[in-house]
Amino acid sequence: MIRKLFGKEATGQPSSDRFKSLIHTLSAMNEEELIKVECLLDLVFGGKDGSLEREVVQLPEVRMPAEANLEEQIEEARAQLKTDELEKKIEQFRKKKES
């Protein structure tokens, strides 16, 4: 991952773009992968004991990003709209059938 970000082909890319790419990559990782990255960084940049053993820390509940929450709300609204439209069509069908 680090080679891909800072390799020869990435030298033409501005550092802010590389940083954004790194942040995007890290944000997509799960907790276990982030712990591995943290251990690697500790090892590379002179961590305390240099061992890869790490105490697993229970992180507080992570709030969903606003984008994900917004996507869920959009999907719920679409489902509700489809339900409402279906109910209207059923009601129209009943009215036509009674006429």
N, C-alpha and C. Protein backbone atom coordinates (compact mmCIF):
# COMPACT_ATOMS: atom_id res chain seq x y z
N MET A 1 0.83 -1.18 0.00
CA MET A 1 0.00 0.00 0.00
C MET A 1 0.87 1.24 0.00
N ILE A 2 1.87 1.29 0.87
CA ILE A 2 2.73 2.47 0.96
C ILE A 2 3.56 2.62 -0.31
N ARG A 3 4.03 1.50 -0.84
CA ARG A 3 4.78 1.56 -2.10
C ARG A 3 3.91 2.10 -3.21
N LYS A 4 2.66 1.67 -3.22
CA LYS A 4 1.76 2.13 -4.27
C LYS A 4 1.53 3.64 -4.17
N LEU A 5 1.43 4.15 -2.94
CA LEU A 5 1.19 5.57 -2.75
C LEU A 5 2.41 6.43 -3.03
N PHE A 6 3.59 5.93 -2.67
CA PHE A 6 4.79 6.76 -2.77
C PHE A 6 5.82 6.22 -3.76
N GLY A 7 5.41 5.31 -4.63
CA GLY A 7 6.32 4.74 -5.62
C GLY A 7 6.62 5.73 -6.73
N LYS A 8 7.40 5.27 -7.72
CA LYS A 8 7.81 6.13 -8.82
C LYS A 8 6.63 6.68 -9.60
N GLU A 9 5.60 5.84 -9.81
CA GLU A 9 4.47 6.32 -10.60
C GLU A 9 3.65 7.36 -9.86
N ALA A 10 3.78 7.45 -8.54
CA ALA A 10 3.01 8.42 -7.75
C ALA A 10 3.73 9.76 -7.60
N THR A 11 4.97 9.85 -8.08
CA THR A 11 5.73 11.08 -7.88
C THR A 11 5.15 12.25 -8.66
N GLY A 12 4.45 12.00 -9.76
CA GLY A 12 3.84 13.08 -10.52
C GLY A 12 2.57 13.60 -9.89
N GLN A 13 2.07 12.89 -8.93
CA GLN A 13 0.83 13.26 -8.27
C GLN A 13 1.12 14.23 -7.12
N PRO A 14 0.37 15.30 -6.97
CA PRO A 14 0.60 16.22 -5.85
C PRO A 14 0.45 15.52 -4.51
N SER A 15 1.19 15.99 -3.52
CA SER A 15 1.18 15.33 -2.22
C SER A 15 -0.20 15.38 -1.57
N SER A 16 -0.98 16.43 -1.83
CA SER A 16 -2.32 16.49 -1.24
C SER A 16 -3.20 15.38 -1.79
N ASP A 17 -3.03 15.03 -3.08
CA ASP A 17 -3.80 13.93 -3.67
C ASP A 17 -3.37 12.60 -3.08
N ARG A 18 -2.07 12.43 -2.85
CA ARG A 18 -1.58 11.20 -2.23
C ARG A 18 -2.11 11.07 -0.82
N PHE A 19 -2.15 12.19 -0.10
CA PHE A 19 -2.66 12.18 1.27
C PHE A 19 -4.15 11.82 1.26
N LYS A 20 -4.92 12.39 0.35
CA LYS A 20 -6.34 12.08 0.25
C LYS A 20 -6.54 10.61 -0.07
N SER A 21 -5.71 10.09 -0.95
CA SER A 21 -5.79 8.68 -1.30
C SER A 21 -5.49 7.80 -0.10
N LEU A 22 -4.48 8.18 0.68
CA LEU A 22 -4.12 7.43 1.89
C LEU A 22 -5.27 7.45 2.89
N ILE A 23 -5.86 8.62 3.11
CA ILE A 23 -6.98 8.75 4.04
C ILE A 23 -8.15 7.90 3.55
N HIS A 24 -8.43 7.92 2.27
CA HIS A 24 -9.52 7.13 1.70
C HIS A 24 -9.26 5.63 1.93
N THR A 25 -8.04 5.20 1.70
CA THR A 25 -7.68 3.81 1.89
C THR A 25 -7.82 3.40 3.35
N LEU A 26 -7.32 4.25 4.26
CA LEU A 26 -7.41 3.94 5.68
C LEU A 26 -8.85 3.92 6.17
N SER A 27 -9.67 4.81 5.66
CA SER A 27 -11.06 4.86 6.11
C SER A 27 -11.85 3.63 5.66
N ALA A 28 -11.38 2.97 4.61
CA ALA A 28 -12.06 1.78 4.12
C ALA A 28 -11.65 0.52 4.87
N MET A 29 -10.62 0.62 5.71
CA MET A 29 -10.12 -0.55 6.43
C MET A 29 -10.97 -0.84 7.67
N ASN A 30 -10.99 -2.13 8.03
CA ASN A 30 -11.69 -2.49 9.26
C ASN A 30 -10.73 -2.33 10.44
N GLU A 31 -11.23 -2.55 11.65
CA GLU A 31 -10.45 -2.31 12.86
C GLU A 31 -9.19 -3.18 12.92
N GLU A 32 -9.32 -4.43 12.51
CA GLU A 32 -8.17 -5.35 12.55
C GLU A 32 -7.05 -4.87 11.62
N GLU A 33 -7.42 -4.43 10.43
CA GLU A 33 -6.43 -3.93 9.48
C GLU A 33 -5.77 -2.66 9.99
N LEU A 34 -6.55 -1.79 10.64
CA LEU A 34 -5.99 -0.56 11.19
C LEU A 34 -5.00 -0.84 12.31
N ILE A 35 -5.28 -1.85 13.11
CA ILE A 35 -4.35 -2.23 14.18
C ILE A 35 -3.04 -2.73 13.56
N LYS A 36 -3.14 -3.51 12.48
CA LYS A 36 -1.93 -3.98 11.80
C LYS A 36 -1.11 -2.82 11.25
N VAL A 37 -1.80 -1.83 10.66
CA VAL A 37 -1.11 -0.66 10.13
C VAL A 37 -0.44 0.11 11.26
N GLU A 38 -1.14 0.26 12.38
CA GLU A 38 -0.56 0.96 13.52
C GLU A 38 0.67 0.23 14.05
N CYS A 39 0.62 -1.10 14.12
CA CYS A 39 1.78 -1.88 14.56
C CYS A 39 2.96 -1.69 13.61
N LEU A 40 2.66 -1.70 12.32
CA LEU A 40 3.70 -1.50 11.32
C LEU A 40 4.33 -0.12 11.45
N LEU A 41 3.52 0.89 11.66
CA LEU A 41 4.04 2.25 11.83
C LEU A 41 4.89 2.35 13.10
N ASP A 42 4.43 1.71 14.17
CA ASP A 42 5.23 1.69 15.40
C ASP A 42 6.57 1.02 15.17
N LEU A 43 6.56 -0.07 14.42
CA LEU A 43 7.79 -0.79 14.14
C LEU A 43 8.74 0.04 13.27
N VAL A 44 8.20 0.67 12.24
CA VAL A 44 9.02 1.45 11.32
C VAL A 44 9.55 2.72 11.96
N PHE A 45 8.72 3.41 12.71
CA PHE A 45 9.12 4.70 13.28
C PHE A 45 9.54 4.61 14.74
N GLY A 46 10.03 3.45 15.14
CA GLY A 46 10.62 3.31 16.47
C GLY A 46 9.63 3.21 17.60
N GLY A 47 8.77 2.23 17.51
CA GLY A 47 7.82 1.99 18.59
C GLY A 47 8.55 1.60 19.86
N LYS A 48 7.83 1.47 20.95
CA LYS A 48 8.41 1.20 22.27
C LYS A 48 9.22 -0.08 22.29
N ASP A 49 8.57 -1.21 22.01
CA ASP A 49 9.28 -2.48 22.14
C ASP A 49 9.55 -3.16 20.81
N GLY A 50 8.97 -2.68 19.75
CA GLY A 50 9.23 -3.25 18.43
C GLY A 50 8.49 -4.54 18.16
N SER A 51 7.68 -5.00 19.11
CA SER A 51 6.96 -6.25 18.88
C SER A 51 5.66 -5.96 18.14
N LEU A 52 5.18 -6.98 17.46
CA LEU A 52 3.95 -6.83 16.72
C LEU A 52 2.73 -7.20 17.56
N GLU A 53 2.97 -7.70 18.77
CA GLU A 53 1.85 -8.02 19.66
C GLU A 53 1.26 -6.72 20.15
N ARG A 54 -0.04 -6.65 20.13
CA ARG A 54 -0.71 -5.42 20.51
C ARG A 54 -1.95 -5.76 21.31
N GLU A 55 -2.17 -5.01 22.33
CA GLU A 55 -3.37 -5.20 23.12
C GLU A 55 -4.57 -4.72 22.31
N VAL A 56 -5.59 -5.54 22.25
CA VAL A 56 -6.78 -5.17 21.52
C VAL A 56 -7.60 -4.25 22.40
N VAL A 57 -7.84 -3.07 21.89
CA VAL A 57 -8.59 -2.07 22.64
C VAL A 57 -10.00 -2.00 22.07
N GLN A 58 -10.97 -2.04 22.95
CA GLN A 58 -12.35 -1.91 22.51
C GLN A 58 -12.61 -0.45 22.20
N LEU A 59 -12.87 -0.16 20.95
CA LEU A 59 -13.14 1.20 20.53
C LEU A 59 -14.59 1.55 20.81
N PRO A 60 -14.85 2.81 21.08
CA PRO A 60 -16.25 3.20 21.26
C PRO A 60 -17.01 3.01 19.96
N GLU A 61 -18.31 2.92 20.07
CA GLU A 61 -19.13 2.70 18.89
C GLU A 61 -18.89 3.83 17.89
N VAL A 62 -18.59 3.44 16.69
CA VAL A 62 -18.30 4.42 15.64
C VAL A 62 -19.61 4.87 15.03
N ARG A 63 -19.78 6.17 14.95
CA ARG A 63 -20.98 6.71 14.32
C ARG A 63 -20.86 6.56 12.82
N MET A 64 -21.96 6.28 12.20
CA MET A 64 -21.95 6.13 10.75
C MET A 64 -21.70 7.48 10.11
N PRO A 65 -20.89 7.50 9.06
CA PRO A 65 -20.68 8.76 8.37
C PRO A 65 -22.01 9.31 7.87
N ALA A 66 -22.07 10.61 7.77
CA ALA A 66 -23.30 11.27 7.34
C ALA A 66 -23.74 10.77 5.96
N GLU A 67 -22.78 10.48 5.10
CA GLU A 67 -23.10 10.01 3.76
C GLU A 67 -23.83 8.68 3.80
N ALA A 68 -23.34 7.74 4.62
CA ALA A 68 -23.98 6.43 4.72
C ALA A 68 -25.37 6.57 5.31
N ASN A 69 -25.51 7.39 6.33
CA ASN A 69 -26.80 7.61 6.95
C ASN A 69 -27.75 8.25 5.94
N LEU A 70 -27.25 9.18 5.17
CA LEU A 70 -28.06 9.84 4.15
C LEU A 70 -28.51 8.84 3.09
N GLU A 71 -27.62 7.95 2.70
CA GLU A 71 -27.97 6.92 1.71
C GLU A 71 -29.09 6.03 2.24
N GLU A 72 -29.01 5.66 3.52
CA GLU A 72 -30.06 4.83 4.11
C GLU A 72 -31.39 5.58 4.12
N GLN A 73 -31.35 6.85 4.46
CA GLN A 73 -32.57 7.65 4.48
C GLN A 73 -33.18 7.76 3.08
N ILE A 74 -32.34 7.92 2.08
CA ILE A 74 -32.82 8.00 0.69
C ILE A 74 -33.48 6.69 0.30
N GLU A 75 -32.85 5.57 0.63
CA GLU A 75 -33.42 4.26 0.30
C GLU A 75 -34.76 4.05 1.01
N GLU A 76 -34.84 4.44 2.28
CA GLU A 76 -36.09 4.32 3.02
C GLU A 76 -37.18 5.19 2.39
N ALA A 77 -36.82 6.41 2.00
CA ALA A 77 -37.79 7.30 1.37
C ALA A 77 -38.27 6.73 0.03
N ARG A 78 -37.36 6.16 -0.74
CA ARG A 78 -37.75 5.55 -2.01
C ARG A 78 -38.71 4.38 -1.78
N ALA A 79 -38.40 3.56 -0.80
CA ALA A 79 -39.25 2.41 -0.50
C ALA A 79 -40.64 2.88 -0.06
N GLN A 80 -40.68 3.92 0.78
CA GLN A 80 -41.96 4.47 1.24
C GLN A 80 -42.74 5.05 0.07
N LEU A 81 -42.05 5.74 -0.83
CA LEU A 81 -42.71 6.32 -2.00
C LEU A 81 -43.31 5.23 -2.88
N LYS A 82 -42.56 4.16 -3.09
CA LYS A 82 -43.06 3.05 -3.89
C LYS A 82 -44.28 2.42 -3.22
N THR A 83 -44.23 2.29 -1.90
CA THR A 83 -45.37 1.74 -1.17
C THR A 83 -46.58 2.64 -1.30
N ASP A 84 -46.37 3.95 -1.15
CA ASP A 84 -47.47 4.90 -1.28
C ASP A 84 -48.07 4.87 -2.69
N GLU A 85 -47.21 4.81 -3.70
CA GLU A 85 -47.69 4.76 -5.09
C GLU A 85 -48.49 3.48 -5.33
N LEU A 86 -48.00 2.38 -4.79
CA LEU A 86 -48.70 1.11 -4.95
C LEU A 86 -50.07 1.16 -4.28
N GLU A 87 -50.13 1.73 -3.09
CA GLU A 87 -51.42 1.87 -2.39
C GLU A 87 -52.39 2.73 -3.19
N LYS A 88 -51.90 3.82 -3.78
CA LYS A 88 -52.75 4.69 -4.60
C LYS A 88 -53.29 3.93 -5.81
N LYS A 89 -52.44 3.15 -6.46
CA LYS A 89 -52.87 2.38 -7.64
C LYS A 89 -53.90 1.34 -7.25
N ILE A 90 -53.72 0.70 -6.11
CA ILE A 90 -54.69 -0.29 -5.64
C ILE A 90 -56.03 0.39 -5.37
N GLU A 91 -55.98 1.55 -4.74
CA GLU A 91 -57.21 2.31 -4.45
C GLU A 91 -57.90 2.73 -5.74
N GLN A 92 -57.13 3.18 -6.74
CA GLN A 92 -57.70 3.56 -8.03
C GLN A 92 -58.34 2.35 -8.71
N PHE A 93 -57.68 1.22 -8.62
CA PHE A 93 -58.19 0.00 -9.22
C PHE A 93 -59.51 -0.38 -8.57
N ARG A 94 -59.58 -0.29 -7.24
CA ARG A 94 -60.82 -0.61 -6.52
C ARG A 94 -61.95 0.32 -6.93
N LYS A 95 -61.64 1.61 -7.07
CA LYS A 95 -62.65 2.59 -7.46
C LYS A 95 -63.17 2.30 -8.86
N LYS A 96 -62.29 1.97 -9.79
CA LYS A 96 -62.68 1.65 -11.15
C LYS A 96 -63.51 0.37 -11.19
N LYS A 97 -63.15 -0.59 -10.35
CA LYS A 97 -63.86 -1.86 -10.32
C LYS A 97 -65.27 -1.66 -9.78
N GLU A 98 -65.42 -0.77 -8.80
CA GLU A 98 -66.74 -0.51 -8.22
C GLU A 98 -67.64 0.28 -9.18
N SER A 99 -67.05 1.06 -10.06
CA SER A 99 -67.84 1.91 -10.97
C SER A 99 -68.49 1.14 -12.07
